[in-house]
Each structure stands twice: as C-alpha cells, then as structure tokens.
Amino acid sequence: MSTNVHKNDQSIPAIASRLDSKHAIHIFPQQLQPFRSGILAYGASLASTLVGYPLDTMKVRMQTHSHYKGYIDCARRTYLAEGVRGFFRGVWAPLISTSFSKSLNVSIYTFCKPYVYTAMFQNDWYGNVRQEHPFLRNLPVCFMAGCFAGGGVSLFACPFEFIKVYSQLEKLVTANSSLGSIKMKLGTPTTLQICNTIITAKGLRGLYSGFKLHFLRDSLSTGVYFSLYESIKLFTNDLTNKNASTTSPFAVLLSGGLSGVLSWIIIFPIDTAKSLVQKAAVINIFRKSHGLSQAPVDSYRKKEGWFYRGLGISITRSFLTNMVFFGVFEFGMTYIA
C-alpha cells in the first residue's frame, strides 16, 4: 500500500508500503495470502524479541529492585550471578507469545482501521477535517484502531508476560533472607514448570496477575505506537523521498525507532506499576508454593523518580527492537508477495 493518501480516498492504508510483485523474492501459496501480513509480522517479531530481550530483563530488574546502581551495575551483577543465560531467562515464553501477539496486533489493527476511519470521518465525527491533509486524519484513526488492537491482544499476552516476569525475578526474590534456605534447593525451572507453579498456587487467575495495568498499558501504548509510527513515516517520507509511490527505508527505520521510544516514555509509569504488582505476586506465589505465609503487598508509592527507573535502557531497547521489527516487516510486505 502506498503511504500517500489523497483527499478522495475511502480509507487510510495500514502500515506497509506498496508491494513490489515484479521483484518479489518469495511468493506465498494462495491459501496463505489472507494471512500474509500476520505471518510476516510474526517473523519480524521473532528477530526483534531476540535483539531486545537482554535489555528487557535488565529493565524489569531495575524497576523492581532498588539496589542496582545503574545499567552497567545491573548487567555486571546479572552476568556474575547467572552468566549469559541470566539475560535470556524466560525468553521462550515471550519469544512465542510476543511474536504471536505482535502478529495478532498488526492483524487486528489492520482490520479495525478502515472501520474506525469510516466511523470517524464518513459519519462526520470530525466535520470538515476529513478534507485536510492525511497527517491530521491519520492520528485519531491510528490511535483508536491501535487501542482496540492493544486491548484485545492483552487478553492473550498477559499470562505469557507474567510467566516472563516470574522467570526474570525468581532468582532475585529468593535472595530475601526468609527464602534463603530454599534458594539452594532449586534449579532453573522451565516455562511449563513456572506456569504449573503459578496455577497451583493461584489458579488460572494467577496467570492474569496485574492484568488491569497490563490492559491499560497495552491499549494506550499501542494506540500511541501506531499513530506515531504511521504519522512520522508519512511526514519523513514526504521530506526525504522523491518517489511518492515508495517508502524510504530511512523513514521506516526512523519512525519505527521513534514511535517505540515515545510510546514507552508515555506509558512507562504504568509499566513500572504493573511490574511492582507482578513482583508482589511472584513473591507470594513463591512463598505459597513452599508453605510460607503471604507477604504484604508493596505500595506503589516509592521514592521520587522510581516510576521512571530503568527508562533509559527501555528507550534503548525499544528503539532497537522497533527498528528491527518495522524494517524486517516492511521489507517483507514489499518484497514477499
């Protein structure tokens, strides 16, 4: 799809550039054509998740434990205590779930966008604004379609993310003095073992620990994410690309990185609150599974600046992962028919 939208267009194209079928490097079978964008999004997400996971581990640990002096200290302590595997602890759950979530996210977003556009502009929600530049039309349409996509995907993604957080924090919560006697008896649990531990302690609802904050975070962040990506790409492409029918790779990489960074800055306090709620859940599940009394839930009210602890590394991770995701995805949408 072209990134240019004329005033008489009936809809705004979703995400990808125009397919270059003449130079396609692979052709999907006919029966897979309806799922093309989802399949490509899944592959792109696999690559971006692997690139960013070590930084995500450090982010979660810094959000939930105040004894780290900074990013370098967090990386050093993690490596000394757990080796390289410590940075990839729990990677299998998000590698599968995040990739599927991203694919589902793109599919829902692409499906919802024309309906949101019709509701907002063809029904005159915005009056004469529909005659303005596509940049002004893109923002509200992409934001609402993104909110629907993020909220829907959170229903699927929350259990996997909580398993990931449990994996990332388990070694740290056992450092508590009351759990020290247990620590030496444990090996490294698998994803299925962690899932079984959570369900045994809290039932299926335990997998949705922190869901309200997860839902709020994903709805808001996905709306901001897609609206910024498409708008920045449209604006950057108009400035840097003389061929209006194609999308500049520079516009894709820059808008992918910036949309990830800006959306994270906006929703980071919500993500920190979610991590703190899930940390408390991890501690209590771990204690219950070993016959210990429940611990009091930590307050959200930490010292000043706590809610943005770990933001720097999240920005770095988000910029890299979203550059990789949109770069791989848009390349596939352009050259894989």
Protein backbone atom coordinates (compact mmCIF):
# COMPACT_ATOMS: atom_id res chain seq x y z
CA MET A 1 0.00 0.00 0.00
CA SER A 2 1.16 3.48 -0.69
CA THR A 3 1.88 5.85 2.14
CA ASN A 4 0.26 8.68 0.19
CA VAL A 5 -3.43 9.32 0.74
CA HIS A 6 -5.49 11.64 -1.43
CA LYS A 7 -8.49 13.60 -0.30
CA ASN A 8 -10.94 11.38 -2.07
CA ASP A 9 -9.53 8.12 -0.69
CA GLN A 10 -12.05 5.92 1.09
CA SER A 11 -9.59 4.69 3.71
CA ILE A 12 -6.11 5.19 5.04
CA PRO A 13 -3.66 2.37 4.27
CA ALA A 14 -2.38 0.39 7.25
CA ILE A 15 1.35 0.29 7.93
CA ALA A 16 3.03 -1.19 4.89
CA SER A 17 4.47 0.08 1.65
CA ARG A 18 3.35 -0.84 -1.84
CA LEU A 19 4.01 -4.48 -2.80
CA ASP A 20 6.71 -4.79 -5.46
CA SER A 21 5.49 -8.02 -7.07
CA LYS A 22 7.93 -7.71 -10.00
CA HIS A 23 10.88 -8.03 -7.63
CA ALA A 24 9.34 -10.40 -5.07
CA ILE A 25 11.87 -12.78 -3.51
CA HIS A 26 9.18 -15.23 -2.37
CA ILE A 27 5.54 -15.91 -3.26
CA PHE A 28 3.15 -17.18 -0.60
CA PRO A 29 0.81 -20.02 -1.60
CA GLN A 30 -2.67 -18.80 -2.46
CA GLN A 31 -4.20 -20.31 0.69
CA LEU A 32 -1.80 -18.29 2.87
CA GLN A 33 -2.34 -14.95 1.15
CA PRO A 34 -5.05 -13.77 3.62
CA PHE A 35 -2.57 -14.33 6.48
CA ARG A 36 0.43 -12.74 4.76
CA SER A 37 0.75 -9.67 6.99
CA GLY A 38 0.33 -11.74 10.16
CA ILE A 39 2.98 -14.27 9.11
CA LEU A 40 5.45 -11.53 8.22
CA ALA A 41 4.76 -9.71 11.48
CA TYR A 42 5.45 -12.93 13.40
CA GLY A 43 8.82 -13.40 11.70
CA ALA A 44 9.78 -9.76 12.22
CA SER A 45 8.82 -10.00 15.89
CA LEU A 46 10.98 -13.10 16.43
CA ALA A 47 14.00 -11.13 15.28
CA SER A 48 13.18 -8.01 17.32
CA THR A 49 12.40 -10.01 20.50
CA LEU A 50 15.79 -11.76 20.43
CA VAL A 51 17.57 -8.45 19.92
CA GLY A 52 15.84 -6.69 22.79
CA TYR A 53 15.31 -9.40 25.41
CA PRO A 54 18.55 -8.91 27.43
CA LEU A 55 17.70 -5.22 27.81
CA ASP A 56 14.13 -6.11 28.84
CA THR A 57 15.47 -8.37 31.59
CA MET A 58 17.59 -5.51 32.94
CA LYS A 59 14.62 -3.14 32.73
CA VAL A 60 12.36 -5.39 34.81
CA ARG A 61 15.07 -5.97 37.42
CA MET A 62 15.79 -2.26 37.77
CA GLN A 63 12.07 -1.47 38.04
CA THR A 64 11.54 -3.93 40.85
CA HIS A 65 14.82 -3.83 42.80
CA SER A 66 16.43 -0.62 44.00
CA HIS A 67 19.87 -1.99 44.93
CA TYR A 68 21.29 -1.64 41.41
CA LYS A 69 23.42 1.49 40.98
CA GLY A 70 22.76 1.73 37.25
CA TYR A 71 22.54 -0.21 34.00
CA ILE A 72 26.18 -1.28 33.99
CA ASP A 73 25.93 -2.46 37.60
CA CYS A 74 22.75 -4.40 36.78
CA ALA A 75 24.40 -6.05 33.77
CA ARG A 76 27.56 -6.86 35.76
CA ARG A 77 25.69 -8.40 38.69
CA THR A 78 23.40 -10.40 36.42
CA TYR A 79 26.36 -11.78 34.47
CA LEU A 80 28.42 -12.63 37.59
CA ALA A 81 25.47 -14.36 39.29
CA GLU A 82 23.86 -16.12 36.34
CA GLY A 83 26.10 -15.80 33.29
CA VAL A 84 24.82 -15.01 29.80
CA ARG A 85 21.77 -17.23 30.43
CA GLY A 86 20.64 -14.75 33.09
CA PHE A 87 19.90 -12.16 30.39
CA PHE A 88 17.74 -14.65 28.48
CA ARG A 89 15.96 -16.17 31.47
CA GLY A 90 12.35 -16.88 30.49
CA VAL A 91 12.95 -16.00 26.83
CA TRP A 92 10.84 -18.84 25.43
CA ALA A 93 7.51 -17.52 26.70
CA PRO A 94 7.88 -14.05 25.12
CA LEU A 95 9.62 -15.43 22.04
CA ILE A 96 6.47 -17.41 21.28
CA SER A 97 3.84 -15.14 22.81
CA THR A 98 5.28 -11.73 21.89
CA SER A 99 5.74 -12.79 18.30
CA PHE A 100 2.19 -14.12 18.13
CA SER A 101 0.90 -11.04 19.97
CA LYS A 102 2.67 -8.73 17.54
CA SER A 103 1.26 -10.66 14.60
CA LEU A 104 -2.23 -10.55 16.13
CA ASN A 105 -1.75 -6.88 16.96
CA VAL A 106 -0.94 -5.98 13.37
CA SER A 107 -3.82 -8.11 12.07
CA ILE A 108 -6.41 -6.56 14.43
CA TYR A 109 -5.07 -3.07 13.78
CA THR A 110 -5.19 -3.54 10.01
CA PHE A 111 -8.71 -4.98 10.24
CA CYS A 112 -10.06 -2.23 12.54
CA LYS A 113 -8.51 0.76 10.80
CA PRO A 114 -10.92 1.14 7.84
CA TYR A 115 -13.92 0.70 10.16
CA VAL A 116 -12.60 3.34 12.55
CA TYR A 117 -11.94 5.64 9.60
CA THR A 118 -15.49 5.17 8.31
CA ALA A 119 -16.99 5.79 11.75
CA MET A 120 -14.95 8.91 12.39
CA PHE A 121 -14.85 10.65 9.03
CA GLN A 122 -17.53 9.34 6.71
CA ASN A 123 -20.03 9.80 9.55
CA ASP A 124 -18.79 13.38 10.06
CA TRP A 125 -17.44 12.95 13.59
CA TYR A 126 -14.78 15.46 12.56
CA GLY A 127 -16.74 17.52 10.09
CA ASN A 128 -14.51 19.27 7.55
CA VAL A 129 -11.32 17.77 8.99
CA ARG A 130 -11.77 14.86 6.60
CA GLN A 131 -10.81 17.22 3.77
CA GLU A 132 -7.50 18.09 5.39
CA HIS A 133 -4.02 16.59 4.99
CA PRO A 134 -3.85 12.82 5.69
CA PHE A 135 -1.47 13.53 8.59
CA LEU A 136 -4.40 15.05 10.53
CA ARG A 137 -6.67 12.16 9.67
CA ASN A 138 -4.09 9.53 10.48
CA LEU A 139 -3.58 10.43 14.13
CA PRO A 140 -7.08 9.81 15.57
CA VAL A 141 -7.78 6.83 13.30
CA CYS A 142 -4.49 5.08 14.06
CA PHE A 143 -4.80 5.83 17.77
CA MET A 144 -8.29 4.34 18.11
CA ALA A 145 -7.51 1.30 15.94
CA GLY A 146 -4.31 0.78 17.94
CA CYS A 147 -6.19 0.95 21.25
CA PHE A 148 -8.59 -1.75 20.07
CA ALA A 149 -5.68 -3.92 18.94
CA GLY A 150 -3.64 -3.46 22.12
CA GLY A 151 -6.57 -4.11 24.43
CA GLY A 152 -7.59 -7.23 22.54
CA VAL A 153 -4.10 -8.68 22.44
CA SER A 154 -3.55 -8.08 26.18
CA LEU A 155 -6.13 -10.82 26.91
CA PHE A 156 -3.78 -13.29 25.26
CA ALA A 157 -0.43 -11.74 26.21
CA CYS A 158 -0.83 -11.13 29.95
CA PRO A 159 -0.26 -14.75 31.11
CA PHE A 160 2.88 -15.07 29.00
CA GLU A 161 4.24 -11.76 30.21
CA PHE A 162 3.64 -12.71 33.83
CA ILE A 163 5.50 -16.01 33.27
CA LYS A 164 8.33 -13.97 31.76
CA VAL A 165 8.41 -11.61 34.75
CA TYR A 166 8.35 -14.58 37.13
CA SER A 167 11.36 -16.07 35.32
CA GLN A 168 13.23 -12.77 35.36
CA LEU A 169 12.62 -12.11 39.07
CA GLU A 170 12.69 -15.55 40.68
CA LYS A 171 16.43 -15.53 41.34
CA LEU A 172 16.13 -12.11 42.94
CA VAL A 173 13.15 -12.78 45.20
CA THR A 174 14.87 -15.87 46.61
CA ALA A 175 17.70 -13.60 47.77
CA ASN A 176 15.31 -12.41 50.50
CA SER A 177 16.52 -13.70 53.86
CA SER A 178 13.28 -15.55 54.58
CA LEU A 179 13.67 -17.53 51.37
CA GLY A 180 17.39 -18.14 51.52
CA SER A 181 17.08 -21.71 52.74
CA ILE A 182 15.04 -22.59 49.68
CA LYS A 183 17.32 -20.99 47.16
CA MET A 184 19.99 -23.69 47.13
CA LYS A 185 17.46 -26.45 46.50
CA LEU A 186 16.28 -25.00 43.22
CA GLY A 187 17.49 -25.50 39.71
CA THR A 188 16.34 -23.37 36.80
CA PRO A 189 12.63 -24.10 36.22
CA THR A 190 11.25 -24.41 32.72
CA THR A 191 8.46 -22.25 31.35
CA LEU A 192 5.96 -25.10 31.83
CA GLN A 193 7.13 -25.64 35.43
CA ILE A 194 6.67 -21.94 36.20
CA CYS A 195 3.20 -21.99 34.64
CA ASN A 196 2.29 -25.03 36.75
CA THR A 197 3.63 -23.34 39.90
CA ILE A 198 1.50 -20.24 39.30
CA ILE A 199 -1.67 -22.21 38.55
CA THR A 200 -1.15 -24.49 41.57
CA ALA A 201 -0.72 -21.51 43.90
CA LYS A 202 -3.31 -19.10 42.49
CA GLY A 203 -5.36 -20.94 39.90
CA LEU A 204 -5.77 -19.74 36.33
CA ARG A 205 -6.43 -16.22 37.63
CA GLY A 206 -2.86 -16.17 38.88
CA LEU A 207 -1.66 -16.00 35.27
CA TYR A 208 -3.51 -12.68 34.99
CA SER A 209 -1.75 -11.01 37.92
CA GLY A 210 -1.53 -7.29 37.12
CA PHE A 211 -3.97 -7.61 34.21
CA LYS A 212 -5.75 -4.27 34.74
CA LEU A 213 -2.49 -2.36 34.46
CA HIS A 214 -1.38 -4.60 31.58
CA PHE A 215 -4.62 -3.86 29.70
CA LEU A 216 -4.28 -0.11 30.30
CA ARG A 217 -0.63 -0.12 29.29
CA ASP A 218 -1.14 -2.10 26.08
CA SER A 219 -4.24 -0.20 24.96
CA LEU A 220 -2.68 3.22 25.42
CA SER A 221 0.80 2.29 24.21
CA THR A 222 -0.42 0.53 21.05
CA GLY A 223 -2.65 3.47 20.14
CA VAL A 224 0.25 5.90 20.57
CA TYR A 225 2.66 3.48 18.91
CA PHE A 226 0.80 3.01 15.63
CA SER A 227 -0.39 6.61 15.34
CA LEU A 228 3.16 7.91 15.81
CA TYR A 229 4.69 5.31 13.50
CA GLU A 230 2.41 5.98 10.58
CA SER A 231 2.42 9.75 11.06
CA ILE A 232 6.21 10.06 11.45
CA LYS A 233 6.74 7.75 8.49
CA LEU A 234 4.34 9.76 6.33
CA PHE A 235 5.99 13.04 7.33
CA THR A 236 9.57 11.76 6.99
CA ASN A 237 8.90 10.06 3.68
CA ASP A 238 7.45 13.25 2.21
CA LEU A 239 10.63 15.10 3.21
CA THR A 240 13.26 12.54 2.18
CA ASN A 241 11.76 10.52 -0.66
CA LYS A 242 11.22 12.00 -4.12
CA ASN A 243 9.36 8.90 -5.33
CA ALA A 244 5.97 9.30 -3.64
CA SER A 245 4.83 5.78 -4.59
CA THR A 246 7.51 4.08 -2.46
CA THR A 247 8.57 4.26 1.16
CA SER A 248 12.09 5.30 2.11
CA PRO A 249 13.94 2.70 4.25
CA PHE A 250 15.23 5.63 6.31
CA ALA A 251 11.65 6.73 7.03
CA VAL A 252 10.72 3.19 8.12
CA LEU A 253 13.70 2.76 10.48
CA LEU A 254 13.48 6.25 11.97
CA SER A 255 9.72 6.18 12.51
CA GLY A 256 9.89 2.64 13.91
CA GLY A 257 12.54 3.61 16.45
CA LEU A 258 10.94 6.92 17.43
CA SER A 259 7.43 5.52 17.78
CA GLY A 260 8.71 2.84 20.13
CA VAL A 261 10.68 5.33 22.23
CA LEU A 262 7.93 7.94 22.51
CA SER A 263 5.21 5.42 23.34
CA TRP A 264 7.40 3.89 26.06
CA ILE A 265 8.09 7.29 27.64
CA ILE A 266 4.35 7.96 27.84
CA ILE A 267 3.33 4.63 29.38
CA PHE A 268 6.45 3.78 31.39
CA PRO A 269 4.97 4.68 34.83
CA ILE A 270 2.07 2.30 34.11
CA ASP A 271 4.54 -0.41 33.13
CA THR A 272 6.51 0.13 36.34
CA ALA A 273 3.34 -0.11 38.44
CA LYS A 274 2.49 -3.34 36.60
CA SER A 275 5.96 -4.74 37.31
CA LEU A 276 5.63 -3.91 41.01
CA VAL A 277 2.22 -5.60 41.24
CA GLN A 278 3.61 -8.65 39.46
CA LYS A 279 6.71 -8.66 41.67
CA ALA A 280 4.45 -8.88 44.75
CA ALA A 281 2.52 -11.70 43.05
CA VAL A 282 5.76 -13.55 42.26
CA ILE A 283 6.87 -13.32 45.90
CA ASN A 284 3.55 -14.57 47.26
CA ILE A 285 3.23 -17.39 44.73
CA PHE A 286 6.76 -18.49 45.50
CA ARG A 287 6.13 -18.34 49.25
CA LYS A 288 2.82 -20.20 49.00
CA SER A 289 4.33 -22.93 46.83
CA HIS A 290 6.86 -23.56 49.63
CA GLY A 291 4.42 -23.42 52.54
CA LEU A 292 5.33 -19.94 53.77
CA SER A 293 2.97 -17.19 54.91
CA GLN A 294 1.92 -14.48 52.46
CA ALA A 295 3.96 -11.27 52.39
CA PRO A 296 2.33 -7.80 52.46
CA VAL A 297 1.88 -6.21 49.04
CA ASP A 298 4.35 -3.43 48.35
CA SER A 299 2.98 0.06 47.90
CA TYR A 300 3.28 1.81 44.54
CA ARG A 301 4.42 4.90 46.38
CA LYS A 302 8.16 4.70 46.12
CA LYS A 303 10.75 7.39 46.34
CA GLU A 304 10.74 10.17 43.77
CA GLY A 305 11.79 9.04 40.32
CA TRP A 306 11.03 5.37 40.99
CA PHE A 307 8.40 5.11 38.26
CA TYR A 308 10.97 6.05 35.64
CA ARG A 309 13.70 3.77 36.98
CA GLY A 310 15.01 1.73 34.06
CA LEU A 311 13.59 4.14 31.47
CA GLY A 312 16.94 4.72 29.77
CA ILE A 313 17.51 1.07 29.00
CA SER A 314 13.88 0.72 27.90
CA ILE A 315 14.34 3.56 25.42
CA THR A 316 17.45 1.88 24.01
CA ARG A 317 15.70 -1.48 23.79
CA SER A 318 12.57 0.00 22.26
CA PHE A 319 14.46 1.94 19.60
CA LEU A 320 16.46 -1.13 18.54
CA THR A 321 13.61 -3.63 18.62
CA ASN A 322 11.16 -1.43 16.74
CA MET A 323 13.73 -0.52 14.10
CA VAL A 324 14.32 -4.23 13.59
CA PHE A 325 10.61 -5.09 13.63
CA PHE A 326 9.39 -2.47 11.17
CA GLY A 327 12.49 -2.79 8.99
CA VAL A 328 12.00 -6.55 8.59
CA PHE A 329 8.20 -6.29 8.38
CA GLU A 330 8.06 -3.56 5.75
CA PHE A 331 10.78 -5.27 3.71
CA GLY A 332 8.69 -8.45 3.76
CA MET A 333 5.49 -6.61 2.88
CA THR A 334 7.29 -5.00 -0.05
CA TYR A 335 9.20 -7.97 -1.47
CA ILE A 336 7.36 -11.10 -0.28
CA ALA A 337 4.14 -11.45 -2.25
